[in-house]
Protein backbone atom coordinates (compact mmCIF):
# COMPACT_ATOMS: atom_id res chain seq x y z
CA MET A 1 0.00 0.00 0.00
CA LYS A 2 2.77 2.40 0.86
CA ARG A 3 4.48 1.82 -2.48
CA LYS A 4 1.24 2.50 -4.31
CA ALA A 5 0.75 5.68 -2.30
CA TYR A 6 4.27 6.86 -3.17
CA PHE A 7 3.62 6.08 -6.81
CA PHE A 8 0.39 8.10 -6.94
CA MET A 9 2.02 11.01 -5.09
CA MET A 10 4.76 11.12 -7.70
CA ILE A 11 2.36 11.23 -10.65
CA PRO A 12 1.89 15.05 -10.57
CA ALA A 13 5.66 15.59 -10.53
CA PHE A 14 6.18 13.18 -13.44
CA ALA A 15 3.33 14.81 -15.34
CA MET A 16 4.93 18.24 -14.90
CA LEU A 17 8.27 16.90 -16.11
CA ILE A 18 6.68 15.35 -19.18
CA VAL A 19 4.62 18.43 -20.07
CA CYS A 20 7.21 21.12 -19.24
CA LEU A 21 10.50 19.38 -20.03
CA TYR A 22 10.49 16.11 -21.93
CA TYR A 23 7.79 16.89 -24.49
CA PRO A 24 9.16 20.37 -25.44
CA PHE A 25 12.65 18.88 -25.70
CA LEU A 26 11.57 16.01 -27.97
CA ARG A 27 9.35 18.36 -29.99
CA GLY A 28 12.30 20.68 -30.53
CA VAL A 29 14.51 17.81 -31.67
CA VAL A 30 11.86 16.75 -34.20
CA MET A 31 11.40 20.33 -35.48
CA ALA A 32 15.16 20.63 -36.05
CA PHE A 33 14.73 18.15 -38.90
CA GLN A 34 11.53 19.64 -40.31
CA ASN A 35 10.55 22.55 -42.50
CA TYR A 36 8.60 24.22 -39.69
CA LYS A 37 7.74 27.88 -40.19
CA MET A 38 5.01 29.87 -38.48
CA PHE A 39 3.42 31.15 -41.70
CA ASP A 40 3.88 27.93 -43.67
CA LEU A 41 2.38 25.30 -41.38
CA THR A 42 0.70 23.52 -44.29
CA ASN A 43 4.14 22.66 -45.66
CA VAL A 44 5.61 21.02 -42.54
CA ARG A 45 7.72 18.06 -43.66
CA PHE A 46 10.89 16.16 -42.90
CA ILE A 47 13.92 17.76 -44.59
CA GLY A 48 16.82 15.95 -42.93
CA LEU A 49 19.86 18.09 -42.18
CA LYS A 50 18.80 21.04 -44.35
CA ASN A 51 18.11 23.30 -41.36
CA PHE A 52 21.63 22.67 -40.06
CA THR A 53 23.26 23.35 -43.42
CA ASP A 54 21.15 26.49 -43.93
CA VAL A 55 22.22 27.78 -40.51
CA ILE A 56 25.91 26.97 -40.96
CA PHE A 57 26.15 28.21 -44.57
CA ASP A 58 23.79 31.17 -44.21
CA THR A 59 24.78 33.81 -46.78
CA ASN A 60 23.25 36.65 -44.75
CA ILE A 61 25.35 36.13 -41.64
CA SER A 62 28.66 34.42 -40.92
CA PHE A 63 28.09 31.36 -38.73
CA ALA A 64 31.83 31.30 -38.00
CA MET A 65 31.61 34.83 -36.59
CA ILE A 66 28.65 33.84 -34.40
CA VAL A 67 30.61 30.86 -33.03
CA ALA A 68 33.67 33.06 -32.44
CA ASN A 69 31.51 35.64 -30.66
CA THR A 70 30.04 32.87 -28.50
CA PHE A 71 33.44 31.61 -27.37
CA ILE A 72 34.72 35.13 -26.68
CA TRP A 73 31.52 35.92 -24.75
CA LEU A 74 31.84 32.68 -22.79
CA PHE A 75 35.52 32.61 -21.88
CA GLY A 76 35.82 36.37 -21.41
CA SER A 77 32.90 36.36 -18.99
CA LEU A 78 33.68 33.07 -17.24
CA THR A 79 37.37 33.76 -16.63
CA PHE A 80 36.89 37.10 -14.92
CA GLN A 81 33.72 36.05 -13.11
CA PHE A 82 35.62 33.19 -11.50
CA LEU A 83 38.80 35.13 -10.69
CA LEU A 84 37.01 38.16 -9.25
CA GLY A 85 34.48 35.95 -7.44
CA PHE A 86 37.29 33.91 -5.87
CA ILE A 87 39.08 37.07 -4.74
CA LEU A 88 35.79 38.39 -3.34
CA ALA A 89 35.24 35.14 -1.42
CA LEU A 90 38.77 35.28 0.02
CA LEU A 91 38.21 38.87 1.18
CA LEU A 92 34.83 38.12 2.76
CA ARG A 93 36.13 35.02 4.51
CA LYS A 94 38.00 37.08 7.09
CA PRO A 95 35.86 38.86 9.73
CA PHE A 96 35.65 42.66 9.72
CA VAL A 97 33.20 45.30 10.90
CA GLY A 98 30.08 45.37 8.75
CA ARG A 99 30.95 42.20 6.84
CA GLY A 100 27.36 40.94 6.93
CA VAL A 101 25.94 44.18 5.49
CA TYR A 102 28.64 44.40 2.85
CA THR A 103 28.18 40.76 1.88
CA GLY A 104 24.44 41.21 1.47
CA PHE A 105 24.95 44.36 -0.60
CA VAL A 106 27.45 42.70 -2.93
CA PHE A 107 25.38 39.56 -3.44
CA TYR A 108 22.21 41.56 -4.07
CA ALA A 109 23.30 41.91 -7.72
CA TRP A 110 22.78 38.18 -8.21
CA ALA A 111 19.09 38.58 -7.36
CA LEU A 112 18.52 41.16 -10.09
CA SER A 113 17.12 40.41 -13.53
CA GLY A 114 19.72 40.04 -16.26
CA PHE A 115 17.56 42.14 -18.58
CA ALA A 116 17.31 44.93 -15.99
CA ILE A 117 21.09 44.84 -15.55
CA GLY A 118 21.51 45.04 -19.31
CA LEU A 119 19.28 48.12 -19.51
CA THR A 120 21.22 49.80 -16.70
CA TRP A 121 24.58 49.17 -18.33
CA ALA A 122 23.19 50.23 -21.72
CA TRP A 123 22.49 53.63 -20.16
CA LEU A 124 25.95 53.75 -18.57
CA PHE A 125 27.61 52.98 -21.94
CA ASN A 126 25.31 55.19 -24.00
CA GLY A 127 27.31 57.20 -26.53
CA GLN A 128 25.28 60.42 -26.13
CA PHE A 129 24.20 60.72 -22.50
CA GLY A 130 25.87 57.77 -20.78
CA LEU A 131 27.43 58.25 -17.36
CA ILE A 132 30.75 56.62 -18.30
CA ASN A 133 31.31 58.96 -21.25
CA ASP A 134 30.31 61.92 -19.09
CA ILE A 135 32.85 61.02 -16.38
CA LEU A 136 35.65 60.35 -18.88
CA MET A 137 35.06 63.69 -20.59
CA LYS A 138 34.89 65.64 -17.33
CA ILE A 139 38.22 64.28 -16.08
CA GLY A 140 39.81 64.95 -19.46
CA ILE A 141 40.58 61.39 -20.58
CA ILE A 142 38.53 61.77 -23.78
CA LYS A 143 37.34 64.79 -25.75
CA ASN A 144 34.49 63.19 -27.67
CA PRO A 145 31.99 60.53 -26.56
CA ILE A 146 32.88 56.91 -27.31
CA GLY A 147 30.28 54.69 -28.95
CA PHE A 148 30.80 51.70 -26.68
CA LEU A 149 27.74 49.89 -28.04
CA SER A 150 27.78 51.21 -31.59
CA GLU A 151 31.46 50.62 -32.42
CA PRO A 152 31.90 47.04 -33.75
CA ASN A 153 35.32 46.69 -32.11
CA LEU A 154 34.03 47.76 -28.67
CA ALA A 155 30.54 46.30 -28.57
CA LEU A 156 31.40 42.73 -27.53
CA ILE A 157 33.72 43.90 -24.75
CA SER A 158 31.03 46.33 -23.61
CA VAL A 159 28.47 43.53 -23.12
CA ILE A 160 31.00 41.19 -21.50
CA ILE A 161 31.76 43.72 -18.74
CA PRO A 162 28.17 43.77 -17.36
CA ASN A 163 28.04 39.98 -17.60
CA ILE A 164 31.21 39.78 -15.51
CA TRP A 165 29.69 42.15 -12.96
CA TYR A 166 26.52 40.03 -12.91
CA GLY A 167 28.30 36.68 -12.42
CA VAL A 168 30.89 37.63 -9.78
CA PRO A 169 28.40 37.40 -6.85
CA PHE A 170 27.45 33.85 -7.85
CA PHE A 171 31.04 32.65 -7.65
CA GLY A 172 31.51 34.72 -4.50
CA ILE A 173 28.54 33.05 -2.78
CA MET A 174 29.47 29.50 -3.78
CA LEU A 175 33.20 29.80 -3.13
CA LEU A 176 32.70 31.63 0.18
CA ALA A 177 30.55 28.75 1.43
CA ALA A 178 33.22 26.29 0.27
CA LEU A 179 36.03 28.26 1.92
CA GLN A 180 34.17 28.34 5.22
CA SER A 181 33.94 24.54 5.13
CA VAL A 182 37.72 24.03 5.01
CA PRO A 183 38.79 22.60 8.42
CA LYS A 184 41.00 24.96 10.41
CA GLU A 185 43.14 21.97 11.40
CA LEU A 186 44.49 21.80 7.84
CA TYR A 187 45.74 25.39 8.03
CA GLU A 188 47.18 24.81 11.49
CA ALA A 189 49.07 21.74 10.31
CA ALA A 190 50.34 23.61 7.26
CA THR A 191 51.49 26.52 9.42
CA ILE A 192 53.37 24.15 11.73
CA ASP A 193 55.10 22.68 8.66
CA GLY A 194 56.23 26.19 7.72
CA THR A 195 53.89 26.63 4.75
CA GLY A 196 53.17 30.25 3.87
CA GLN A 197 49.76 31.65 3.02
CA VAL A 198 50.31 31.55 -0.75
CA LYS A 199 51.28 27.86 -0.66
CA GLN A 200 48.37 27.15 1.68
CA LEU A 201 46.06 28.66 -0.93
CA PHE A 202 47.35 26.41 -3.72
CA TYR A 203 48.06 23.24 -1.75
CA VAL A 204 45.33 23.30 0.92
CA THR A 205 42.45 25.61 0.02
CA ILE A 206 42.06 25.06 -3.73
CA PRO A 207 42.39 21.24 -3.60
CA TYR A 208 39.83 21.07 -0.78
CA ILE A 209 37.24 23.23 -2.56
CA LYS A 210 37.95 21.81 -6.03
CA PRO A 211 34.57 20.00 -6.30
CA THR A 212 32.80 23.33 -5.78
CA ILE A 213 35.04 25.04 -8.33
CA VAL A 214 34.39 22.31 -10.90
CA SER A 215 30.60 22.36 -10.46
CA THR A 216 30.25 26.16 -10.42
CA LEU A 217 32.39 26.58 -13.54
CA LEU A 218 30.28 24.01 -15.38
CA LEU A 219 26.99 25.58 -14.26
CA ARG A 220 28.06 29.08 -15.23
CA THR A 221 29.30 27.83 -18.61
CA MET A 222 25.82 26.52 -19.40
CA TRP A 223 24.09 29.65 -18.12
CA ILE A 224 26.35 32.08 -19.97
CA ILE A 225 25.83 30.29 -23.28
CA ASN A 226 22.07 29.81 -22.89
CA PHE A 227 20.97 33.14 -21.37
CA PRO A 228 21.78 36.16 -23.58
CA ASP A 229 19.36 38.58 -21.87
CA ILE A 230 22.11 41.15 -21.22
CA ILE A 231 23.04 41.15 -24.91
CA PHE A 232 19.41 41.60 -25.96
CA ALA A 233 18.94 44.50 -23.57
CA MET A 234 22.13 46.28 -24.63
CA THR A 235 22.71 45.62 -28.35
CA ASN A 236 20.18 43.04 -29.56
CA GLY A 237 23.09 41.29 -31.29
CA GLY A 238 24.42 44.36 -33.11
CA PRO A 239 26.16 46.31 -34.40
CA VAL A 240 26.58 44.30 -37.63
CA ASN A 241 26.21 41.06 -35.61
CA ARG A 242 29.37 41.70 -33.58
CA THR A 243 27.57 40.72 -30.36
CA ASN A 244 25.40 38.04 -31.95
CA ILE A 245 26.00 34.65 -30.32
CA LEU A 246 24.41 31.23 -30.86
CA ALA A 247 21.67 31.82 -28.29
CA THR A 248 20.68 35.23 -29.70
CA GLN A 249 20.70 33.84 -33.24
CA MET A 250 18.46 30.98 -32.11
CA ILE A 251 15.97 33.41 -30.55
CA ASN A 252 16.06 35.66 -33.64
CA LYS A 253 15.29 32.69 -35.88
CA VAL A 254 12.26 31.76 -33.77
CA PHE A 255 10.78 35.12 -32.78
CA LYS A 256 11.85 37.36 -35.69
CA GLU A 257 11.97 35.05 -38.68
CA TYR A 258 9.43 32.59 -37.22
CA ASP A 259 11.56 29.70 -38.49
CA TYR A 260 11.15 27.11 -35.74
CA GLY A 261 13.08 24.52 -37.70
CA GLN A 262 16.30 26.53 -37.94
CA GLY A 263 15.87 27.86 -34.41
CA SER A 264 15.54 24.30 -33.11
CA ALA A 265 18.58 23.28 -35.15
CA ILE A 266 20.71 25.96 -33.45
CA GLY A 267 19.34 24.90 -30.07
CA LEU A 268 20.29 21.29 -30.81
CA ILE A 269 23.79 22.40 -31.85
CA ILE A 270 24.18 24.26 -28.54
CA MET A 271 22.96 21.20 -26.59
CA ILE A 272 25.35 18.82 -28.38
CA VAL A 273 28.33 21.14 -27.91
CA LEU A 274 27.56 21.58 -24.20
CA ALA A 275 27.06 17.83 -23.74
CA ILE A 276 30.43 17.05 -25.37
CA TYR A 277 32.15 19.80 -23.40
CA SER A 278 30.61 18.63 -20.11
CA TYR A 279 31.66 15.03 -20.74
CA PHE A 280 35.30 15.82 -21.44
CA TYR A 281 35.44 18.52 -18.76
CA LEU A 282 34.18 16.18 -16.05
CA LYS A 283 36.32 13.33 -17.36
CA TRP A 284 39.43 15.54 -17.27
CA THR A 285 38.77 16.87 -13.77
CA THR A 286 37.94 13.39 -12.46
CA LYS A 287 41.10 11.94 -14.01
CA LYS A 288 43.20 14.62 -12.31
CA ASP A 289 41.60 13.74 -8.97
CA ASP A 290 42.31 10.03 -9.51
CA ALA A 291 45.93 10.82 -10.39
CA ILE A 292 46.32 12.71 -7.11
């Protein structure tokens, strides 16, 4: 009886998973191989890999540039988010007056909407009335406003900076919790052995919190690639596609061109790339742990 009761209690959860996760996923996979357009639903048919070839060899936009933008967006954001978040966690680990208030203030950014953050930074970087241009001109660093979001060579860097600012609190929260779990006995033993603070960081702290580092880096990798809300709020993929990444191109295909087939194809490409990356990433980190 108890097993039957458990089974019936789990039915709503399984139903939600099927309706909200498994069915949309499988439907998207099917559409990736179909000619599926909003205003041509009478012509839905299986077309094999045509959506993939049309996306990759699109004459209107360079797929290679979109992929390059994606990797620059990912590694530029992820590297500095992790480094600055780790430094933040190290600073907040030590007690000082007002640490609780300061910690809450810093981590508040993580609770904000990415789109709202994008709009705020779009105003800061605005070429005509942005605060950053105003400050730089007042202190004499520049004479004329800089088009941070309109200059092709500056646009991608200008959207990466807010994404770094947005992601630092996440790493700070996760790594601070991990740092506080390191036993004090390990530091005491290392101090007795004559190990300095720098060596303690690399030989005690980092190895102990490595599982947290591995998991947070993997999670943020997936989120950065899949959630381009900051880019949409600031540049919408422009100028001349210099901030257009795979996720923004996927959304443009679906909601601007109403081509669900090509949009699903890009989504499937993203999923396959992330799956391959996750497999080798976890395999590499696990192998290093086994070697140790």
